Amino acid sequence: MTEETVADEAAKKDDAKEEVTQDEPSGAEYSRLDENVAILASKTMWYLEELDADGRPSEGTYWKDGKISKRVSWAYYEGSERAKVKIETDDASTRETRYDERGNVISVTVMDAEDKILKSENCEYTEDNLVAVSRKEEKGLSTVIEYTYSRGKSVSSTKTSVNGKLVSTCAYANEFNWTETIFNEKGKAILVVDYKEGVRQVRR
């Protein structure tokens, strides 16, 4: 994952039912829930969710202004509430998200309407469920970010490479104070920038 998405993805480790509610129409004016189906509706959007025999969301369909706008489906690890894969499809693209058995996002693939891969991202995790390595492929660029952590499980350093070449490293005192080093194509450090309280301070 990118540095910005590490914290975001950490918030997605809830079970599938909790995850689904993030997508449901807000300000619902009508709702219904029984053993096999859930329905939520607002003035402009309807959401129908079908449940499997274990009461887990299996398929979801969104209607907006009377037309289907998105479909969602889930598959699960056997005997678990944890989703193994979630697939979201609209007119323009398909997004496939895969999870490990601990609930970590291990891959995200986005394809266009003709199933051509537009971008993909894969993650490896530490034993503490922290992102160790993320790999992103998009527009011909392969970006790899490696993370290390302090004992308090805060990011202590990152190393970013693009197409196999080191481009930057960051050393963190904490989330608000860090030093970034930029490298040229030959791997030589050409710029060091200090940040204090998130504000760039010094170039040398």
C-alpha atoms as a PDB file:
ATOM      1  CA  MET A   1       0.000   0.000   0.000  1.00  0.00           C
ATOM      2  CA  THR A   2       1.053   3.593  -0.353  1.00  0.00           C
ATOM      3  CA  GLU A   3       2.005   5.411   2.863  1.00  0.00           C
ATOM      4  CA  GLU A   4      -1.356   7.178   2.818  1.00  0.00           C
ATOM      5  CA  THR A   5      -3.291   3.943   2.582  1.00  0.00           C
ATOM      6  CA  VAL A   6      -1.550   2.023   5.339  1.00  0.00           C
ATOM      7  CA  ALA A   7      -3.628   3.674   8.052  1.00  0.00           C
ATOM      8  CA  ASP A   8      -6.748   3.466   5.891  1.00  0.00           C
ATOM      9  CA  GLU A   9      -6.365  -0.230   5.215  1.00  0.00           C
ATOM     10  CA  ALA A  10      -5.759  -0.933   8.906  1.00  0.00           C
ATOM     11  CA  ALA A  11      -9.319   0.252   9.490  1.00  0.00           C
ATOM     12  CA  LYS A  12     -10.701  -2.382   7.086  1.00  0.00           C
ATOM     13  CA  LYS A  13      -9.968  -5.401   9.250  1.00  0.00           C
ATOM     14  CA  ASP A  14     -13.536  -5.690  10.530  1.00  0.00           C
ATOM     15  CA  ASP A  15     -15.636  -8.641   9.521  1.00  0.00           C
ATOM     16  CA  ALA A  16     -17.626  -8.660   6.309  1.00  0.00           C
ATOM     17  CA  LYS A  17     -20.882  -7.489   7.845  1.00  0.00           C
ATOM     18  CA  GLU A  18     -19.280  -4.391   9.319  1.00  0.00           C
ATOM     19  CA  GLU A  19     -17.496  -3.759   6.043  1.00  0.00           C
ATOM     20  CA  VAL A  20     -20.724  -3.827   4.040  1.00  0.00           C
ATOM     21  CA  THR A  21     -22.348  -1.089   6.087  1.00  0.00           C
ATOM     22  CA  GLN A  22     -19.691   1.382   4.936  1.00  0.00           C
ATOM     23  CA  ASP A  23     -21.186   1.190   1.419  1.00  0.00           C
ATOM     24  CA  GLU A  24     -24.857   1.321   2.323  1.00  0.00           C
ATOM     25  CA  PRO A  25     -26.969   4.381   1.462  1.00  0.00           C
ATOM     26  CA  SER A  26     -26.768   7.056   4.144  1.00  0.00           C
ATOM     27  CA  GLY A  27     -29.894   8.648   5.525  1.00  0.00           C
ATOM     28  CA  ALA A  28     -31.968   5.567   4.695  1.00  0.00           C
ATOM     29  CA  GLU A  29     -35.716   6.269   4.635  1.00  0.00           C
ATOM     30  CA  TYR A  30     -36.709   2.621   4.385  1.00  0.00           C
ATOM     31  CA  SER A  31     -35.060  -0.525   5.717  1.00  0.00           C
ATOM     32  CA  ARG A  32     -35.933  -4.183   5.977  1.00  0.00           C
ATOM     33  CA  LEU A  33     -34.022  -7.164   7.336  1.00  0.00           C
ATOM     34  CA  ASP A  34     -35.001 -10.819   7.431  1.00  0.00           C
ATOM     35  CA  GLU A  35     -33.184 -14.152   7.303  1.00  0.00           C
ATOM     36  CA  ASN A  36     -32.218 -13.973   3.632  1.00  0.00           C
ATOM     37  CA  VAL A  37     -32.231 -10.355   2.565  1.00  0.00           C
ATOM     38  CA  ALA A  38     -31.585  -6.792   3.699  1.00  0.00           C
ATOM     39  CA  ILE A  39     -32.930  -3.689   1.986  1.00  0.00           C
ATOM     40  CA  LEU A  40     -32.031  -0.053   2.518  1.00  0.00           C
ATOM     41  CA  ALA A  41     -33.404   2.848   0.509  1.00  0.00           C
ATOM     42  CA  SER A  42     -33.063   6.611   0.326  1.00  0.00           C
ATOM     43  CA  LYS A  43     -34.708   9.073  -2.046  1.00  0.00           C
ATOM     44  CA  THR A  44     -32.325   8.281  -4.909  1.00  0.00           C
ATOM     45  CA  MET A  45     -30.714   4.940  -4.050  1.00  0.00           C
ATOM     46  CA  TRP A  46     -31.783   1.385  -3.205  1.00  0.00           C
ATOM     47  CA  TYR A  47     -29.502  -1.292  -1.811  1.00  0.00           C
ATOM     48  CA  LEU A  48     -30.459  -4.982  -1.800  1.00  0.00           C
ATOM     49  CA  GLU A  49     -28.224  -7.418   0.050  1.00  0.00           C
ATOM     50  CA  GLU A  50     -28.678 -11.181  -0.158  1.00  0.00           C
ATOM     51  CA  LEU A  51     -27.413 -13.382   2.668  1.00  0.00           C
ATOM     52  CA  ASP A  52     -26.027 -16.895   2.479  1.00  0.00           C
ATOM     53  CA  ALA A  53     -27.154 -19.842   4.622  1.00  0.00           C
ATOM     54  CA  ASP A  54     -24.852 -18.663   7.429  1.00  0.00           C
ATOM     55  CA  GLY A  55     -26.308 -15.155   7.417  1.00  0.00           C
ATOM     56  CA  ARG A  56     -23.285 -13.576   5.726  1.00  0.00           C
ATOM     57  CA  PRO A  57     -23.635 -11.063   2.872  1.00  0.00           C
ATOM     58  CA  SER A  58     -23.211 -12.921  -0.423  1.00  0.00           C
ATOM     59  CA  GLU A  59     -24.428 -10.455  -3.066  1.00  0.00           C
ATOM     60  CA  GLY A  60     -25.333  -6.789  -3.031  1.00  0.00           C
ATOM     61  CA  THR A  61     -26.986  -4.664  -5.696  1.00  0.00           C
ATOM     62  CA  TYR A  62     -27.253  -0.877  -5.840  1.00  0.00           C
ATOM     63  CA  TRP A  63     -29.853   1.049  -7.819  1.00  0.00           C
ATOM     64  CA  LYS A  64     -29.511   4.761  -8.399  1.00  0.00           C
ATOM     65  CA  ASP A  65     -32.241   6.771 -10.111  1.00  0.00           C
ATOM     66  CA  GLY A  66     -33.955   3.521 -11.093  1.00  0.00           C
ATOM     67  CA  LYS A  67     -30.902   1.871 -12.683  1.00  0.00           C
ATOM     68  CA  ILE A  68     -28.415  -0.680 -11.362  1.00  0.00           C
ATOM     69  CA  SER A  69     -25.257   1.261 -10.522  1.00  0.00           C
ATOM     70  CA  LYS A  70     -23.088  -1.369  -8.835  1.00  0.00           C
ATOM     71  CA  ARG A  71     -22.992  -5.059  -7.940  1.00  0.00           C
ATOM     72  CA  VAL A  72     -20.991  -6.575  -5.086  1.00  0.00           C
ATOM     73  CA  SER A  73     -20.259 -10.184  -4.191  1.00  0.00           C
ATOM     74  CA  TRP A  74     -18.351 -11.883  -1.369  1.00  0.00           C
ATOM     75  CA  ALA A  75     -16.735 -15.277  -0.821  1.00  0.00           C
ATOM     76  CA  TYR A  76     -15.579 -16.447   2.618  1.00  0.00           C
ATOM     77  CA  TYR A  77     -13.080 -18.666   4.327  1.00  0.00           C
ATOM     78  CA  GLU A  78     -14.806 -21.881   5.284  1.00  0.00           C
ATOM     79  CA  GLY A  79     -16.600 -21.605   8.608  1.00  0.00           C
ATOM     80  CA  SER A  80     -15.556 -17.977   9.057  1.00  0.00           C
ATOM     81  CA  GLU A  81     -17.138 -14.544   9.028  1.00  0.00           C
ATOM     82  CA  ARG A  82     -13.976 -13.266   7.337  1.00  0.00           C
ATOM     83  CA  ALA A  83     -14.293 -12.471   3.641  1.00  0.00           C
ATOM     84  CA  LYS A  84     -11.757 -14.118   1.339  1.00  0.00           C
ATOM     85  CA  VAL A  85     -12.607 -11.986  -1.688  1.00  0.00           C
ATOM     86  CA  LYS A  86     -14.890  -9.066  -2.449  1.00  0.00           C
ATOM     87  CA  ILE A  87     -15.761  -8.099  -6.030  1.00  0.00           C
ATOM     88  CA  GLU A  88     -17.347  -4.737  -6.902  1.00  0.00           C
ATOM     89  CA  THR A  89     -18.523  -4.086 -10.448  1.00  0.00           C
ATOM     90  CA  ASP A  90     -20.052  -1.028 -12.108  1.00  0.00           C
ATOM     91  CA  ASP A  91     -20.376   0.049 -15.732  1.00  0.00           C
ATOM     92  CA  ALA A  92     -16.793   1.276 -15.941  1.00  0.00           C
ATOM     93  CA  SER A  93     -14.690  -1.095 -13.854  1.00  0.00           C
ATOM     94  CA  THR A  94     -14.327  -4.095 -11.564  1.00  0.00           C
ATOM     95  CA  ARG A  95     -12.466  -3.965  -8.262  1.00  0.00           C
ATOM     96  CA  GLU A  96     -11.354  -7.241  -6.694  1.00  0.00           C
ATOM     97  CA  THR A  97     -10.128  -7.164  -3.099  1.00  0.00           C
ATOM     98  CA  ARG A  98      -8.601 -10.244  -1.480  1.00  0.00           C
ATOM     99  CA  TYR A  99      -8.015 -10.804   2.233  1.00  0.00           C
ATOM    100  CA  ASP A 100      -5.991 -13.208   4.326  1.00  0.00           C
ATOM    101  CA  GLU A 101      -7.553 -15.176   7.168  1.00  0.00           C
ATOM    102  CA  ARG A 102      -6.653 -12.426   9.636  1.00  0.00           C
ATOM    103  CA  GLY A 103      -8.683  -9.881   7.677  1.00  0.00           C
ATOM    104  CA  ASN A 104      -5.725  -8.064   6.114  1.00  0.00           C
ATOM    105  CA  VAL A 105      -6.082  -6.768   2.565  1.00  0.00           C
ATOM    106  CA  ILE A 106      -3.490  -8.732   0.591  1.00  0.00           C
ATOM    107  CA  SER A 107      -4.348  -7.582  -2.931  1.00  0.00           C
ATOM    108  CA  VAL A 108      -6.475  -5.082  -4.810  1.00  0.00           C
ATOM    109  CA  THR A 109      -6.921  -5.310  -8.575  1.00  0.00           C
ATOM    110  CA  VAL A 110      -8.852  -2.802 -10.669  1.00  0.00           C
ATOM    111  CA  MET A 111      -9.922  -3.740 -14.213  1.00  0.00           C
ATOM    112  CA  ASP A 112     -11.785  -1.833 -16.892  1.00  0.00           C
ATOM    113  CA  ALA A 113     -15.032  -2.979 -18.498  1.00  0.00           C
ATOM    114  CA  GLU A 114     -13.048  -5.248 -20.852  1.00  0.00           C
ATOM    115  CA  ASP A 115     -11.165  -6.900 -17.947  1.00  0.00           C
ATOM    116  CA  LYS A 116      -7.905  -5.108 -18.729  1.00  0.00           C
ATOM    117  CA  ILE A 117      -5.946  -4.533 -15.525  1.00  0.00           C
ATOM    118  CA  LEU A 118      -5.652  -0.819 -14.800  1.00  0.00           C
ATOM    119  CA  LYS A 119      -3.773  -1.114 -11.512  1.00  0.00           C
ATOM    120  CA  SER A 120      -2.970  -3.623  -8.838  1.00  0.00           C
ATOM    121  CA  GLU A 121      -1.569  -3.581  -5.342  1.00  0.00           C
ATOM    122  CA  ASN A 122      -0.280  -6.411  -3.154  1.00  0.00           C
ATOM    123  CA  CYS A 123       0.768  -6.397   0.488  1.00  0.00           C
ATOM    124  CA  GLU A 124       2.764  -8.583   2.844  1.00  0.00           C
ATOM    125  CA  TYR A 125       2.282  -8.295   6.618  1.00  0.00           C
ATOM    126  CA  THR A 126       4.272  -8.789   9.786  1.00  0.00           C
ATOM    127  CA  GLU A 127       3.164 -11.160  12.552  1.00  0.00           C
ATOM    128  CA  ASP A 128       1.605  -8.071  14.184  1.00  0.00           C
ATOM    129  CA  ASN A 129      -0.631  -7.425  11.141  1.00  0.00           C
ATOM    130  CA  LEU A 130       1.414  -4.416  10.040  1.00  0.00           C
ATOM    131  CA  VAL A 131       2.225  -3.816   6.377  1.00  0.00           C
ATOM    132  CA  ALA A 132       5.779  -5.033   5.737  1.00  0.00           C
ATOM    133  CA  VAL A 133       5.930  -4.582   1.947  1.00  0.00           C
ATOM    134  CA  SER A 134       3.527  -3.114  -0.583  1.00  0.00           C
ATOM    135  CA  ARG A 135       3.829  -3.508  -4.344  1.00  0.00           C
ATOM    136  CA  LYS A 136       1.834  -1.341  -6.724  1.00  0.00           C
ATOM    137  CA  GLU A 137       1.603  -1.673 -10.500  1.00  0.00           C
ATOM    138  CA  GLU A 138       0.056   1.186 -12.469  1.00  0.00           C
ATOM    139  CA  LYS A 139       0.697   2.854 -15.833  1.00  0.00           C
ATOM    140  CA  GLY A 140       3.951   0.990 -16.405  1.00  0.00           C
ATOM    141  CA  LEU A 141       5.364   1.837 -12.995  1.00  0.00           C
ATOM    142  CA  SER A 142       6.175  -0.758 -10.359  1.00  0.00           C
ATOM    143  CA  THR A 143       6.397   0.873  -6.925  1.00  0.00           C
ATOM    144  CA  VAL A 144       7.628  -1.057  -3.901  1.00  0.00           C
ATOM    145  CA  ILE A 145       7.528   0.353  -0.366  1.00  0.00           C
ATOM    146  CA  GLU A 146       9.192  -1.478   2.520  1.00  0.00           C
ATOM    147  CA  TYR A 147       8.269  -0.641   6.118  1.00  0.00           C
ATOM    148  CA  THR A 148       9.973  -1.122   9.468  1.00  0.00           C
ATOM    149  CA  TYR A 149       8.359  -0.463  12.838  1.00  0.00           C
ATOM    150  CA  SER A 150       9.279   0.531  16.353  1.00  0.00           C
ATOM    151  CA  ARG A 151       8.396  -1.606  19.374  1.00  0.00           C
ATOM    152  CA  GLY A 152       5.295   0.539  19.742  1.00  0.00           C
ATOM    153  CA  LYS A 153       4.232  -0.584  16.247  1.00  0.00           C
ATOM    154  CA  SER A 154       4.654   2.897  14.772  1.00  0.00           C
ATOM    155  CA  VAL A 155       6.389   3.239  11.405  1.00  0.00           C
ATOM    156  CA  SER A 156      10.087   3.909  12.008  1.00  0.00           C
ATOM    157  CA  SER A 157      11.293   3.891   8.399  1.00  0.00           C
ATOM    158  CA  THR A 158      10.234   3.371   4.806  1.00  0.00           C
ATOM    159  CA  LYS A 159      12.157   2.648   1.619  1.00  0.00           C
ATOM    160  CA  THR A 160      10.550   3.337  -1.753  1.00  0.00           C
ATOM    161  CA  SER A 161      11.730   1.931  -5.083  1.00  0.00           C
ATOM    162  CA  VAL A 162      10.279   2.474  -8.551  1.00  0.00           C
ATOM    163  CA  ASN A 163      11.000  -0.036 -11.309  1.00  0.00           C
ATOM    164  CA  GLY A 164      13.751  -1.538  -9.162  1.00  0.00           C
ATOM    165  CA  LYS A 165      15.546   1.741  -8.405  1.00  0.00           C
ATOM    166  CA  LEU A 166      15.667   3.361  -4.965  1.00  0.00           C
ATOM    167  CA  VAL A 167      13.964   6.760  -5.044  1.00  0.00           C
ATOM    168  CA  SER A 168      13.503   7.717  -1.381  1.00  0.00           C
ATOM    169  CA  THR A 169      13.809   6.721   2.251  1.00  0.00           C
ATOM    170  CA  CYS A 170      12.083   8.145   5.309  1.00  0.00           C
ATOM    171  CA  ALA A 171      13.178   7.908   8.938  1.00  0.00           C
ATOM    172  CA  TYR A 172      10.444   8.699  11.457  1.00  0.00           C
ATOM    173  CA  ALA A 173      10.818  10.069  14.974  1.00  0.00           C
ATOM    174  CA  ASN A 174       7.016   9.894  15.124  1.00  0.00           C
ATOM    175  CA  GLU A 175       4.103  10.424  12.749  1.00  0.00           C
ATOM    176  CA  PHE A 176       4.621  14.209  12.754  1.00  0.00           C
ATOM    177  CA  ASN A 177       8.420  14.394  12.552  1.00  0.00           C
ATOM    178  CA  TRP A 178      10.586  12.632   9.985  1.00  0.00           C
ATOM    179  CA  THR A 179      13.490  13.001   7.562  1.00  0.00           C
ATOM    180  CA  GLU A 180      13.160  12.172   3.883  1.00  0.00           C
ATOM    181  CA  THR A 181      16.120  11.427   1.606  1.00  0.00           C
ATOM    182  CA  ILE A 182      15.709  11.578  -2.187  1.00  0.00           C
ATOM    183  CA  PHE A 183      17.971   9.598  -4.543  1.00  0.00           C
ATOM    184  CA  ASN A 184      18.811  10.090  -8.219  1.00  0.00           C
ATOM    185  CA  GLU A 185      18.768   7.348 -10.866  1.00  0.00           C
ATOM    186  CA  LYS A 186      22.320   6.312  -9.927  1.00  0.00           C
ATOM    187  CA  GLY A 187      21.310   5.754  -6.303  1.00  0.00           C
ATOM    188  CA  LYS A 188      23.064   8.840  -4.970  1.00  0.00           C
ATOM    189  CA  ALA A 189      21.353  10.957  -2.303  1.00  0.00           C
ATOM    190  CA  ILE A 190      20.630  14.367  -3.794  1.00  0.00           C
ATOM    191  CA  LEU A 191      18.258  15.937  -1.286  1.00  0.00           C
ATOM    192  CA  VAL A 192      17.503  15.589   2.435  1.00  0.00           C
ATOM    193  CA  VAL A 193      14.394  17.224   3.858  1.00  0.00           C
ATOM    194  CA  ASP A 194      13.380  17.441   7.507  1.00  0.00           C
ATOM    195  CA  TYR A 195       9.747  17.669   8.576  1.00  0.00           C
ATOM    196  CA  LYS A 196       8.594  18.981  11.944  1.00  0.00           C
ATOM    197  CA  GLU A 197       4.950  18.731  12.903  1.00  0.00           C
ATOM    198  CA  GLY A 198       4.358  17.691   9.290  1.00  0.00           C
ATOM    199  CA  VAL A 199       5.863  20.889   7.849  1.00  0.00           C
ATOM    200  CA  ARG A 200       8.925  20.879   5.605  1.00  0.00           C
ATOM    201  CA  GLN A 201      11.754  22.621   7.428  1.00  0.00           C
ATOM    202  CA  VAL A 202      15.203  22.225   5.956  1.00  0.00           C
ATOM    203  CA  ARG A 203      16.828  21.375   2.662  1.00  0.00           C
ATOM    204  CA  ARG A 204      20.492  20.543   2.589  1.00  0.00           C
END
